[in-house]
Amino acid sequence: MIPQASGVLLDRLELSVPPIRLPVKGKIQLGERFSIDAALSTGTLSLSRVPEWIAKGGFEAGNIELSLDMKGRVSIGKPGGPPGGSR
C-alpha cells in the first residue's frame, strides 16, 4: 500500500511468466496522482511455448509479437471533493 501523500515513480517494470516476459518501459507514477506514459513489448513469442492456461484465441502454432502503448492520468479526489477526483 502506498500512502496517498507520498508516491512512487517507476521507469521499468517486468512481469515474467516463463517463457513470457512482459517488460514495460516508460514512466508510471503511483500515489495521489496516477499517471502512465509507457510501452509494453513482448518481443517474438513462439505460440507452442506459451503455457496452456493462457488463451491463444484459437492459434496453436507460429510466432507472435505484441506491443502496447499506454498513456493516461488520474488524480485521486480529496475528502469532500468529487468522486474519483479529476481526470
N, C-alpha and C. Protein backbone atom coordinates (compact mmCIF):
# COMPACT_ATOMS: atom_id res chain seq x y z
N MET A 1 0.85 -1.17 0.00
CA MET A 1 0.00 0.00 0.00
C MET A 1 0.89 1.23 0.00
N ILE A 2 0.60 2.16 -0.88
CA ILE A 2 1.37 3.40 -0.98
C ILE A 2 0.55 4.53 -0.38
N PRO A 3 1.07 5.21 0.66
CA PRO A 3 0.32 6.33 1.22
C PRO A 3 0.04 7.39 0.16
N GLN A 4 -1.16 8.00 0.19
CA GLN A 4 -1.53 8.98 -0.82
C GLN A 4 -0.61 10.19 -0.80
N ALA A 5 -0.10 10.56 0.36
CA ALA A 5 0.74 11.75 0.46
C ALA A 5 2.11 11.55 -0.21
N SER A 6 2.54 10.31 -0.33
CA SER A 6 3.81 10.04 -0.99
C SER A 6 3.53 9.39 -2.33
N GLY A 7 4.56 9.02 -3.03
CA GLY A 7 4.37 8.39 -4.32
C GLY A 7 5.58 7.60 -4.73
N VAL A 8 5.43 6.87 -5.82
CA VAL A 8 6.50 6.06 -6.39
C VAL A 8 6.52 6.33 -7.88
N LEU A 9 7.71 6.50 -8.43
CA LEU A 9 7.86 6.67 -9.87
C LEU A 9 8.67 5.50 -10.40
N LEU A 10 8.07 4.74 -11.31
CA LEU A 10 8.73 3.58 -11.91
C LEU A 10 9.11 3.92 -13.35
N ASP A 11 10.31 3.54 -13.77
CA ASP A 11 10.67 3.73 -15.17
C ASP A 11 10.84 2.41 -15.91
N ARG A 12 10.90 1.31 -15.16
CA ARG A 12 10.94 -0.03 -15.75
C ARG A 12 10.19 -0.99 -14.84
N LEU A 13 9.46 -1.90 -15.45
CA LEU A 13 8.71 -2.89 -14.71
C LEU A 13 8.67 -4.13 -15.60
N GLU A 14 8.85 -5.31 -15.00
CA GLU A 14 8.81 -6.52 -15.81
C GLU A 14 8.04 -7.61 -15.08
N LEU A 15 7.08 -8.20 -15.79
CA LEU A 15 6.36 -9.36 -15.32
C LEU A 15 6.89 -10.55 -16.10
N SER A 16 7.33 -11.56 -15.37
CA SER A 16 7.91 -12.73 -16.03
C SER A 16 7.11 -13.98 -15.67
N VAL A 17 6.51 -14.59 -16.69
CA VAL A 17 5.82 -15.87 -16.56
C VAL A 17 6.46 -16.76 -17.63
N PRO A 18 7.58 -17.43 -17.28
CA PRO A 18 8.33 -18.16 -18.30
C PRO A 18 7.45 -19.02 -19.19
N PRO A 19 7.64 -18.97 -20.48
CA PRO A 19 8.70 -18.29 -21.21
C PRO A 19 8.36 -16.86 -21.62
N ILE A 20 7.30 -16.27 -21.06
CA ILE A 20 6.87 -14.94 -21.47
C ILE A 20 7.44 -13.88 -20.53
N ARG A 21 8.02 -12.85 -21.12
CA ARG A 21 8.50 -11.67 -20.39
C ARG A 21 7.70 -10.48 -20.87
N LEU A 22 7.16 -9.72 -19.95
CA LEU A 22 6.40 -8.53 -20.31
C LEU A 22 7.10 -7.30 -19.73
N PRO A 23 8.10 -6.78 -20.47
CA PRO A 23 8.79 -5.59 -19.97
C PRO A 23 8.01 -4.32 -20.31
N VAL A 24 7.88 -3.44 -19.33
CA VAL A 24 7.23 -2.15 -19.52
C VAL A 24 8.29 -1.08 -19.31
N LYS A 25 8.44 -0.20 -20.30
CA LYS A 25 9.41 0.89 -20.21
C LYS A 25 8.67 2.20 -20.38
N GLY A 26 9.07 3.18 -19.63
CA GLY A 26 8.44 4.49 -19.67
C GLY A 26 8.33 5.01 -18.26
N LYS A 27 7.27 5.75 -17.96
CA LYS A 27 7.09 6.29 -16.62
C LYS A 27 5.71 5.92 -16.09
N ILE A 28 5.70 5.37 -14.87
CA ILE A 28 4.47 5.05 -14.18
C ILE A 28 4.57 5.69 -12.80
N GLN A 29 3.66 6.60 -12.49
CA GLN A 29 3.66 7.27 -11.20
C GLN A 29 2.50 6.74 -10.38
N LEU A 30 2.78 6.27 -9.17
CA LEU A 30 1.77 5.75 -8.26
C LEU A 30 1.71 6.65 -7.03
N GLY A 31 0.54 6.82 -6.48
CA GLY A 31 0.34 7.65 -5.29
C GLY A 31 -0.90 8.49 -5.46
N GLU A 32 -0.88 9.71 -4.90
CA GLU A 32 -2.04 10.60 -5.00
C GLU A 32 -2.41 10.86 -6.46
N ARG A 33 -1.40 10.99 -7.29
CA ARG A 33 -1.63 11.11 -8.74
C ARG A 33 -1.11 9.85 -9.40
N PHE A 34 -1.93 9.27 -10.26
CA PHE A 34 -1.51 8.12 -11.05
C PHE A 34 -1.36 8.60 -12.48
N SER A 35 -0.22 8.32 -13.07
CA SER A 35 -0.05 8.62 -14.48
C SER A 35 0.80 7.53 -15.11
N ILE A 36 0.58 7.35 -16.40
CA ILE A 36 1.34 6.34 -17.13
C ILE A 36 1.63 6.86 -18.53
N ASP A 37 2.85 6.72 -18.93
CA ASP A 37 3.30 7.00 -20.29
C ASP A 37 4.34 5.94 -20.58
N ALA A 38 3.90 4.78 -20.99
CA ALA A 38 4.79 3.64 -21.09
C ALA A 38 4.41 2.74 -22.26
N ALA A 39 5.32 1.85 -22.59
CA ALA A 39 5.11 0.90 -23.68
C ALA A 39 5.48 -0.49 -23.21
N LEU A 40 4.69 -1.46 -23.63
CA LEU A 40 4.93 -2.87 -23.35
C LEU A 40 5.20 -3.55 -24.68
N SER A 41 6.22 -4.38 -24.72
CA SER A 41 6.53 -5.13 -25.94
C SER A 41 7.06 -6.50 -25.56
N THR A 42 6.45 -7.55 -26.13
CA THR A 42 6.84 -8.91 -25.76
C THR A 42 8.06 -9.42 -26.50
N GLY A 43 8.38 -8.83 -27.63
CA GLY A 43 9.36 -9.45 -28.50
C GLY A 43 8.68 -10.62 -29.20
N THR A 44 9.40 -11.45 -29.90
CA THR A 44 8.81 -12.57 -30.64
C THR A 44 8.58 -13.75 -29.70
N LEU A 45 7.34 -14.25 -29.68
CA LEU A 45 6.98 -15.42 -28.87
C LEU A 45 6.57 -16.57 -29.78
N SER A 46 7.02 -17.76 -29.47
CA SER A 46 6.56 -18.96 -30.16
C SER A 46 5.31 -19.44 -29.45
N LEU A 47 4.19 -19.51 -30.17
CA LEU A 47 2.93 -19.93 -29.55
C LEU A 47 3.01 -21.33 -28.96
N SER A 48 3.85 -22.19 -29.51
CA SER A 48 3.97 -23.55 -28.99
C SER A 48 4.58 -23.57 -27.58
N ARG A 49 5.26 -22.49 -27.19
CA ARG A 49 5.88 -22.43 -25.86
C ARG A 49 5.02 -21.70 -24.83
N VAL A 50 3.91 -21.11 -25.27
CA VAL A 50 3.02 -20.39 -24.36
C VAL A 50 2.26 -21.40 -23.51
N PRO A 51 2.22 -21.22 -22.18
CA PRO A 51 1.52 -22.18 -21.32
C PRO A 51 0.06 -22.38 -21.74
N GLU A 52 -0.45 -23.59 -21.52
CA GLU A 52 -1.80 -23.95 -21.92
C GLU A 52 -2.86 -23.08 -21.26
N TRP A 53 -2.62 -22.61 -20.03
CA TRP A 53 -3.63 -21.85 -19.30
C TRP A 53 -3.80 -20.42 -19.83
N ILE A 54 -2.96 -20.00 -20.77
CA ILE A 54 -3.10 -18.69 -21.39
C ILE A 54 -3.88 -18.86 -22.70
N ALA A 55 -5.00 -18.12 -22.82
CA ALA A 55 -5.83 -18.21 -24.02
C ALA A 55 -5.06 -17.67 -25.22
N LYS A 56 -5.11 -18.41 -26.33
CA LYS A 56 -4.38 -18.03 -27.54
C LYS A 56 -5.31 -17.67 -28.68
N GLY A 57 -6.60 -17.55 -28.39
CA GLY A 57 -7.55 -17.12 -29.41
C GLY A 57 -7.67 -18.07 -30.59
N GLY A 58 -7.47 -19.36 -30.37
CA GLY A 58 -7.59 -20.34 -31.43
C GLY A 58 -6.30 -20.60 -32.20
N PHE A 59 -5.28 -19.79 -31.98
CA PHE A 59 -3.99 -20.02 -32.66
C PHE A 59 -3.21 -21.08 -31.90
N GLU A 60 -2.60 -21.99 -32.62
CA GLU A 60 -1.84 -23.08 -31.98
C GLU A 60 -0.36 -23.07 -32.34
N ALA A 61 -0.02 -22.53 -33.50
CA ALA A 61 1.38 -22.56 -33.94
C ALA A 61 1.74 -21.22 -34.57
N GLY A 62 3.04 -20.98 -34.63
CA GLY A 62 3.53 -19.75 -35.24
C GLY A 62 4.16 -18.84 -34.21
N ASN A 63 4.55 -17.68 -34.65
CA ASN A 63 5.17 -16.69 -33.78
C ASN A 63 4.26 -15.47 -33.70
N ILE A 64 4.32 -14.81 -32.58
CA ILE A 64 3.51 -13.61 -32.39
C ILE A 64 4.37 -12.57 -31.67
N GLU A 65 4.13 -11.31 -31.97
CA GLU A 65 4.82 -10.22 -31.30
C GLU A 65 3.76 -9.19 -30.93
N LEU A 66 3.72 -8.83 -29.66
CA LEU A 66 2.73 -7.90 -29.17
C LEU A 66 3.37 -6.63 -28.65
N SER A 67 2.73 -5.49 -28.89
CA SER A 67 3.18 -4.24 -28.30
C SER A 67 1.96 -3.41 -27.94
N LEU A 68 2.10 -2.59 -26.90
CA LEU A 68 1.01 -1.77 -26.41
C LEU A 68 1.60 -0.47 -25.86
N ASP A 69 1.09 0.66 -26.32
CA ASP A 69 1.47 1.97 -25.79
C ASP A 69 0.35 2.44 -24.88
N MET A 70 0.71 2.92 -23.69
CA MET A 70 -0.29 3.33 -22.70
C MET A 70 -0.01 4.76 -22.25
N LYS A 71 -1.04 5.60 -22.21
CA LYS A 71 -0.92 6.96 -21.71
C LYS A 71 -2.18 7.31 -20.95
N GLY A 72 -2.04 7.99 -19.84
CA GLY A 72 -3.20 8.44 -19.09
C GLY A 72 -2.80 8.94 -17.73
N ARG A 73 -3.76 9.59 -17.05
CA ARG A 73 -3.50 10.08 -15.69
C ARG A 73 -4.82 10.23 -14.96
N VAL A 74 -4.75 10.08 -13.64
CA VAL A 74 -5.90 10.24 -12.77
C VAL A 74 -5.39 10.85 -11.48
N SER A 75 -6.11 11.84 -10.96
CA SER A 75 -5.82 12.39 -9.63
C SER A 75 -6.88 11.86 -8.69
N ILE A 76 -6.45 11.34 -7.56
CA ILE A 76 -7.39 10.80 -6.59
C ILE A 76 -8.00 11.97 -5.85
N GLY A 77 -9.34 11.96 -5.72
CA GLY A 77 -10.08 13.06 -5.10
C GLY A 77 -9.73 13.24 -3.64
N LYS A 78 -9.82 14.47 -3.18
CA LYS A 78 -9.64 14.80 -1.78
C LYS A 78 -10.94 14.51 -1.03
N PRO A 79 -10.88 14.25 0.28
CA PRO A 79 -12.12 14.05 1.03
C PRO A 79 -13.05 15.25 0.84
N GLY A 80 -14.31 14.98 0.52
CA GLY A 80 -15.27 16.04 0.30
C GLY A 80 -15.26 16.57 -1.12
N GLY A 81 -14.32 16.11 -1.94
CA GLY A 81 -14.25 16.54 -3.35
C GLY A 81 -15.07 15.62 -4.21
N PRO A 82 -15.03 15.82 -5.53
CA PRO A 82 -15.80 14.96 -6.43
C PRO A 82 -15.27 13.53 -6.41
N PRO A 83 -16.15 12.53 -6.49
CA PRO A 83 -15.68 11.13 -6.51
C PRO A 83 -14.74 10.88 -7.68
N GLY A 84 -13.65 10.20 -7.39
CA GLY A 84 -12.70 9.86 -8.46
C GLY A 84 -11.75 10.98 -8.81
N GLY A 85 -11.95 12.15 -8.22
CA GLY A 85 -11.04 13.26 -8.50
C GLY A 85 -11.19 13.76 -9.90
N SER A 86 -10.17 14.47 -10.40
CA SER A 86 -10.20 15.00 -11.76
C SER A 86 -9.52 14.03 -12.70
N ARG A 87 -9.92 14.06 -13.92
CA ARG A 87 -9.33 13.17 -14.92
C ARG A 87 -8.75 13.99 -16.05
